[in-house]
Amino acid sequence: MPSEKVRLLADDEPEPFEVVEGGRSPYVLTCDHAGRRVPRALGSLGLGEQDLSRHIAWDLGAAALARRLASALGGWLILQSYSRLVIDCNRPLTSPDSIAKKSEDTLIPGNLDVSAEQAALRASEVFEPYHARIRSELDRRRAEGLVSVLLFVHSFTPTYRGVDREWHAGVLHHRDARLALPVLDALRREPALVVGDNQPYAASALTDYGLIEHGERRGLPYVELEVRQDLLATNEGLDAWAERLARVLLLTPPELLGSAGP
C-alpha cells in the first residue's frame, strides 16, 4: 500500500493566498507579507506570541493598506496568508533568508535545522502556489489584451536596531524605474513627506523575488511601495495613505503603463 503523501498544510487550514478580484483596471497588487499564520505542523516555530506579532513575522498594516488601495484603484489583489518565517515569498528560494534562521536579532528555533525535504515542502505548499496564482492572473490579462501595472505593497519599522528611520515611505525598484520615478517625484512634492528612493531597502535580484519575477522578467511597469508602520496603525492613517497613493498612481502619465507585456 503506497505511503501517504507528507503535507505541510492540513485540509482545514487556509490556502496560502487570498484573492480580491478587481475589474478591468490595469493595477495588479500583491502583498507578500500580509499574514502571520504558521501551519500547525510547524507549531509556533519555537517563538512566543509577542515575536509572532512583530515585523519579523509579517508586515504590520500592509494588508489593510493593500485592500484599501486596491479598492480605490479597482485593482486585482493577492495577499499571502502565512508568515514570512515559514518561507519568505519575497525572497528567491536560493536566498539564505528564504527560510530565515535569524531575523533582526531574533533566532527562529523552528528554522535552525530545516532539511532540504522540509524546505521543499514549505516551497511547494506556500511559495509556489502563491506565485503561480500571480502568474496565472498576469497570463490571463495578457491573453485578453489587458494592460498590467504591478504594485508590491509592504511596510517597514519606524526603528531598526535602535536607529530611527526618517522616511515616511519608500519607493523601490531595480533596473526598470519607469513607474517608480514618477511616483517618487509625486510623493516628494507632498508637504512634509520624506520619501526614500530604494530606502529603507534597496531592491535587487538577490533580495527581491516578486518585482524581478513578475515585473522585470515580463517587462511590466511596477513599483514596490513601502510605508512606515506607525503611519498605518489607525484607520485614519490607512485611509490617508491609500488615498495618497491612489491619487499619485492615477496621475501617472498613461504612456508609462505600457503594453500587455510579453
Protein backbone atom coordinates (compact mmCIF):
# COMPACT_ATOMS: atom_id res chain seq x y z
CA MET A 1 0.00 0.00 0.00
CA PRO A 2 1.53 3.36 -1.01
CA SER A 3 2.60 5.63 1.84
CA GLU A 4 0.53 8.73 2.47
CA LYS A 5 1.99 11.89 0.98
CA VAL A 6 3.65 14.18 3.53
CA ARG A 7 1.90 17.54 3.70
CA LEU A 8 2.54 20.84 5.42
CA LEU A 9 -0.95 22.35 5.34
CA ALA A 10 -3.87 20.37 6.72
CA ASP A 11 -7.18 20.25 4.83
CA ASP A 12 -8.82 22.64 7.30
CA GLU A 13 -6.04 25.24 7.14
CA PRO A 14 -6.33 28.32 4.88
CA GLU A 15 -4.95 28.40 1.36
CA PRO A 16 -1.58 30.17 1.06
CA PHE A 17 -3.20 33.18 -0.59
CA GLU A 18 -6.39 35.22 -0.74
CA VAL A 19 -7.54 36.89 -3.93
CA VAL A 20 -9.63 40.06 -4.05
CA GLU A 21 -10.98 40.30 -7.58
CA GLY A 22 -10.87 43.58 -9.45
CA GLY A 23 -12.36 44.85 -12.66
CA ARG A 24 -10.55 45.86 -15.84
CA SER A 25 -8.29 48.29 -14.00
CA PRO A 26 -4.61 47.94 -15.04
CA TYR A 27 -3.48 47.58 -11.42
CA VAL A 28 -2.38 44.22 -10.03
CA LEU A 29 -1.43 44.40 -6.34
CA THR A 30 0.46 41.87 -4.26
CA CYS A 31 1.08 41.74 -0.52
CA ASP A 32 3.79 39.15 0.16
CA HIS A 33 3.84 39.60 3.93
CA ALA A 34 0.13 40.06 4.63
CA GLY A 35 -0.29 37.23 7.14
CA ARG A 36 1.43 35.84 10.21
CA ARG A 37 -0.16 32.40 10.32
CA VAL A 38 2.08 29.37 10.95
CA PRO A 39 0.94 25.90 9.83
CA ARG A 40 0.02 23.67 12.76
CA ALA A 41 2.63 21.16 11.63
CA LEU A 42 5.32 23.73 12.48
CA GLY A 43 3.90 24.67 15.88
CA SER A 44 4.97 28.21 16.69
CA LEU A 45 8.46 27.82 15.19
CA GLY A 46 9.63 28.00 18.79
CA LEU A 47 8.51 31.62 19.18
CA GLY A 48 6.09 33.30 21.56
CA GLU A 49 3.07 35.37 20.59
CA GLN A 50 4.99 38.60 21.10
CA ASP A 51 7.58 37.67 18.46
CA LEU A 52 4.93 36.35 16.06
CA SER A 53 3.21 39.75 16.29
CA ARG A 54 6.36 41.65 15.30
CA HIS A 55 7.69 42.74 11.94
CA ILE A 56 9.93 39.68 11.83
CA ALA A 57 6.77 37.62 11.16
CA TRP A 58 4.78 39.93 8.84
CA ASP A 59 4.37 43.49 7.55
CA LEU A 60 2.11 45.24 10.04
CA GLY A 61 -0.54 47.34 8.30
CA ALA A 62 0.42 46.23 4.80
CA ALA A 63 -2.61 44.01 4.17
CA ALA A 64 -5.07 46.67 5.32
CA LEU A 65 -3.32 49.27 3.16
CA ALA A 66 -3.29 46.95 0.14
CA ARG A 67 -7.01 46.27 0.48
CA ARG A 68 -7.83 49.97 0.63
CA LEU A 69 -5.52 50.80 -2.26
CA ALA A 70 -6.92 48.00 -4.43
CA SER A 71 -10.43 49.25 -3.73
CA ALA A 72 -9.50 52.82 -4.63
CA LEU A 73 -7.87 51.72 -7.90
CA GLY A 74 -10.34 48.98 -8.81
CA GLY A 75 -7.36 46.64 -8.88
CA TRP A 76 -6.84 42.88 -8.51
CA LEU A 77 -5.17 41.94 -5.23
CA ILE A 78 -3.49 38.82 -3.89
CA LEU A 79 -2.46 38.52 -0.25
CA GLN A 80 -0.11 35.84 1.12
CA SER A 81 -1.58 34.22 4.22
CA TYR A 82 1.40 32.68 6.03
CA SER A 83 4.23 34.25 7.99
CA ARG A 84 7.43 35.12 6.19
CA LEU A 85 9.14 32.99 8.86
CA VAL A 86 7.55 29.88 7.31
CA ILE A 87 9.04 30.86 3.96
CA ASP A 88 9.58 34.37 2.62
CA CYS A 89 7.58 34.82 -0.55
CA ASN A 90 9.65 37.87 -1.48
CA ARG A 91 12.98 36.06 -1.46
CA PRO A 92 14.40 33.75 -4.12
CA LEU A 93 14.37 30.15 -2.92
CA THR A 94 18.17 30.19 -3.15
CA SER A 95 18.45 33.12 -0.73
CA PRO A 96 19.74 32.44 2.81
CA ASP A 97 16.73 34.45 4.02
CA SER A 98 14.19 32.27 2.21
CA ILE A 99 13.73 30.37 5.48
CA ALA A 100 15.38 32.67 7.98
CA LYS A 101 17.34 31.17 10.86
CA LYS A 102 17.65 34.62 12.39
CA SER A 103 15.55 37.74 11.79
CA GLU A 104 16.98 41.02 13.02
CA ASP A 105 18.42 39.85 16.36
CA THR A 106 15.92 37.04 17.00
CA LEU A 107 16.79 33.38 16.47
CA ILE A 108 14.00 31.31 14.90
CA PRO A 109 14.29 27.93 16.65
CA GLY A 110 11.96 26.14 14.24
CA ASN A 111 14.15 27.17 11.29
CA LEU A 112 17.56 26.20 12.66
CA ASP A 113 17.57 22.62 11.39
CA VAL A 114 15.32 22.53 8.32
CA SER A 115 16.18 19.69 5.94
CA ALA A 116 16.16 20.07 2.16
CA GLU A 117 12.97 17.99 2.05
CA GLN A 118 11.27 20.18 4.65
CA ALA A 119 12.31 23.34 2.83
CA ALA A 120 10.96 21.92 -0.43
CA LEU A 121 7.65 21.18 1.29
CA ARG A 122 7.32 24.76 2.50
CA ALA A 123 8.13 25.99 -1.01
CA SER A 124 5.66 23.65 -2.72
CA GLU A 125 2.73 24.42 -0.42
CA VAL A 126 3.20 28.14 0.30
CA PHE A 127 5.68 29.89 -2.01
CA GLU A 128 4.88 28.18 -5.30
CA PRO A 129 1.04 28.29 -5.19
CA TYR A 130 1.14 32.00 -4.31
CA HIS A 131 3.40 32.92 -7.20
CA ALA A 132 1.66 30.52 -9.58
CA ARG A 133 -1.60 32.36 -8.90
CA ILE A 134 0.05 35.69 -9.71
CA ARG A 135 1.45 34.23 -12.94
CA SER A 136 -1.92 32.84 -13.96
CA GLU A 137 -3.58 36.22 -13.47
CA LEU A 138 -0.91 38.01 -15.49
CA ASP A 139 -1.16 35.36 -18.22
CA ARG A 140 -4.95 35.78 -18.33
CA ARG A 141 -4.67 39.53 -18.62
CA ARG A 142 -2.09 39.26 -21.37
CA ALA A 143 -4.31 36.83 -23.31
CA GLU A 144 -7.19 39.30 -23.04
CA GLY A 145 -5.00 42.22 -24.11
CA LEU A 146 -5.27 43.99 -20.77
CA VAL A 147 -2.51 46.27 -19.52
CA SER A 148 -0.95 45.18 -16.22
CA VAL A 149 0.75 47.55 -13.80
CA LEU A 150 2.24 45.85 -10.74
CA LEU A 151 2.14 47.31 -7.24
CA PHE A 152 4.01 45.47 -4.48
CA VAL A 153 2.78 46.65 -1.06
CA HIS A 154 4.97 46.42 2.06
CA SER A 155 5.60 48.21 5.36
CA PHE A 156 8.71 48.87 7.45
CA THR A 157 9.50 49.51 11.10
CA PRO A 158 9.97 53.06 12.46
CA THR A 159 13.18 51.97 14.24
CA TYR A 160 15.72 49.36 13.22
CA ARG A 161 18.32 48.16 15.73
CA GLY A 162 17.94 51.33 17.77
CA VAL A 163 18.16 53.74 14.82
CA ASP A 164 15.10 55.81 13.94
CA ARG A 165 14.14 55.86 10.29
CA GLU A 166 13.40 59.29 8.89
CA TRP A 167 11.39 58.13 5.88
CA HIS A 168 7.62 58.14 5.87
CA ALA A 169 7.65 55.89 2.82
CA GLY A 170 10.00 54.29 0.34
CA VAL A 171 9.73 53.70 -3.40
CA LEU A 172 11.63 50.63 -4.54
CA HIS A 173 12.71 49.48 -7.98
CA HIS A 174 15.53 47.62 -9.68
CA ARG A 175 16.59 48.29 -13.27
CA ASP A 176 13.16 49.35 -14.54
CA ALA A 177 12.22 52.63 -12.85
CA ARG A 178 9.76 54.00 -15.43
CA LEU A 179 6.87 53.87 -12.95
CA ALA A 180 8.84 54.21 -9.72
CA LEU A 181 10.50 57.52 -10.55
CA PRO A 182 7.27 59.44 -11.39
CA VAL A 183 5.67 58.02 -8.24
CA LEU A 184 8.71 59.03 -6.19
CA ASP A 185 8.68 62.52 -7.67
CA ALA A 186 4.97 62.99 -6.98
CA LEU A 187 5.24 61.76 -3.38
CA ARG A 188 8.20 64.05 -2.72
CA ARG A 189 6.02 67.00 -3.71
CA GLU A 190 3.65 66.19 -0.85
CA PRO A 191 4.14 68.62 2.07
CA ALA A 192 6.40 67.42 4.90
CA LEU A 193 6.90 63.91 3.48
CA VAL A 194 10.32 62.24 3.50
CA VAL A 195 10.30 59.56 0.79
CA GLY A 196 13.25 57.30 0.10
CA ASP A 197 14.48 56.13 -3.30
CA ASN A 198 15.29 52.45 -2.66
CA GLN A 199 15.19 53.25 1.06
CA PRO A 200 14.99 51.84 3.67
CA TYR A 201 15.67 48.84 1.44
CA ALA A 202 17.35 48.57 -1.94
CA ALA A 203 15.72 46.20 -4.39
CA SER A 204 17.91 43.60 -6.06
CA ALA A 205 17.72 40.23 -7.77
CA LEU A 206 19.34 38.66 -4.69
CA THR A 207 16.90 40.07 -2.13
CA ASP A 208 13.61 40.53 -4.02
CA TYR A 209 11.59 37.95 -5.89
CA GLY A 210 8.26 39.46 -6.92
CA LEU A 211 9.36 42.60 -8.69
CA ILE A 212 12.08 40.69 -10.57
CA GLU A 213 9.99 37.62 -11.49
CA HIS A 214 6.66 39.27 -12.25
CA GLY A 215 7.81 42.77 -13.18
CA GLU A 216 11.19 42.92 -14.84
CA ARG A 217 11.19 39.49 -16.48
CA ARG A 218 7.81 40.22 -18.06
CA GLY A 219 8.70 43.79 -18.96
CA LEU A 220 5.75 45.14 -16.98
CA PRO A 221 5.75 48.53 -15.25
CA TYR A 222 5.96 48.09 -11.48
CA VAL A 223 6.74 49.82 -8.22
CA GLU A 224 7.27 48.48 -4.71
CA LEU A 225 5.67 50.73 -2.11
CA GLU A 226 6.92 50.71 1.49
CA VAL A 227 5.10 52.72 4.18
CA ARG A 228 6.30 53.15 7.78
CA GLN A 229 4.24 51.04 10.13
CA ASP A 230 3.40 53.68 12.72
CA LEU A 231 1.67 55.65 9.96
CA LEU A 232 -0.60 52.64 9.30
CA ALA A 233 -1.57 51.97 12.93
CA THR A 234 -5.00 53.63 12.71
CA ASN A 235 -7.88 53.57 10.24
CA GLU A 236 -7.30 57.28 9.65
CA GLY A 237 -3.68 56.65 8.74
CA LEU A 238 -4.55 53.75 6.48
CA ASP A 239 -7.24 55.78 4.71
CA ALA A 240 -4.90 58.73 4.24
CA TRP A 241 -2.09 56.65 2.76
CA ALA A 242 -4.41 54.69 0.49
CA GLU A 243 -5.92 57.94 -0.81
CA ARG A 244 -2.47 59.49 -1.29
CA LEU A 245 -1.01 56.53 -3.15
CA ALA A 246 -4.09 56.07 -5.33
CA ARG A 247 -4.09 59.75 -6.23
CA VAL A 248 -0.41 59.67 -7.19
CA LEU A 249 -0.76 56.48 -9.22
CA LEU A 250 -3.84 57.69 -11.10
CA LEU A 251 -1.93 60.80 -12.15
CA THR A 252 0.82 58.70 -13.76
CA PRO A 253 1.08 59.52 -17.49
CA PRO A 254 -0.78 56.83 -19.48
CA GLU A 255 2.20 56.22 -21.77
CA LEU A 256 4.10 54.79 -18.81
CA LEU A 257 1.57 51.99 -18.43
CA GLY A 258 3.00 50.23 -21.47
CA SER A 259 1.53 47.22 -23.21
CA ALA A 260 0.07 43.95 -22.00
CA GLY A 261 3.59 42.55 -21.70
CA PRO A 262 5.45 39.72 -23.46
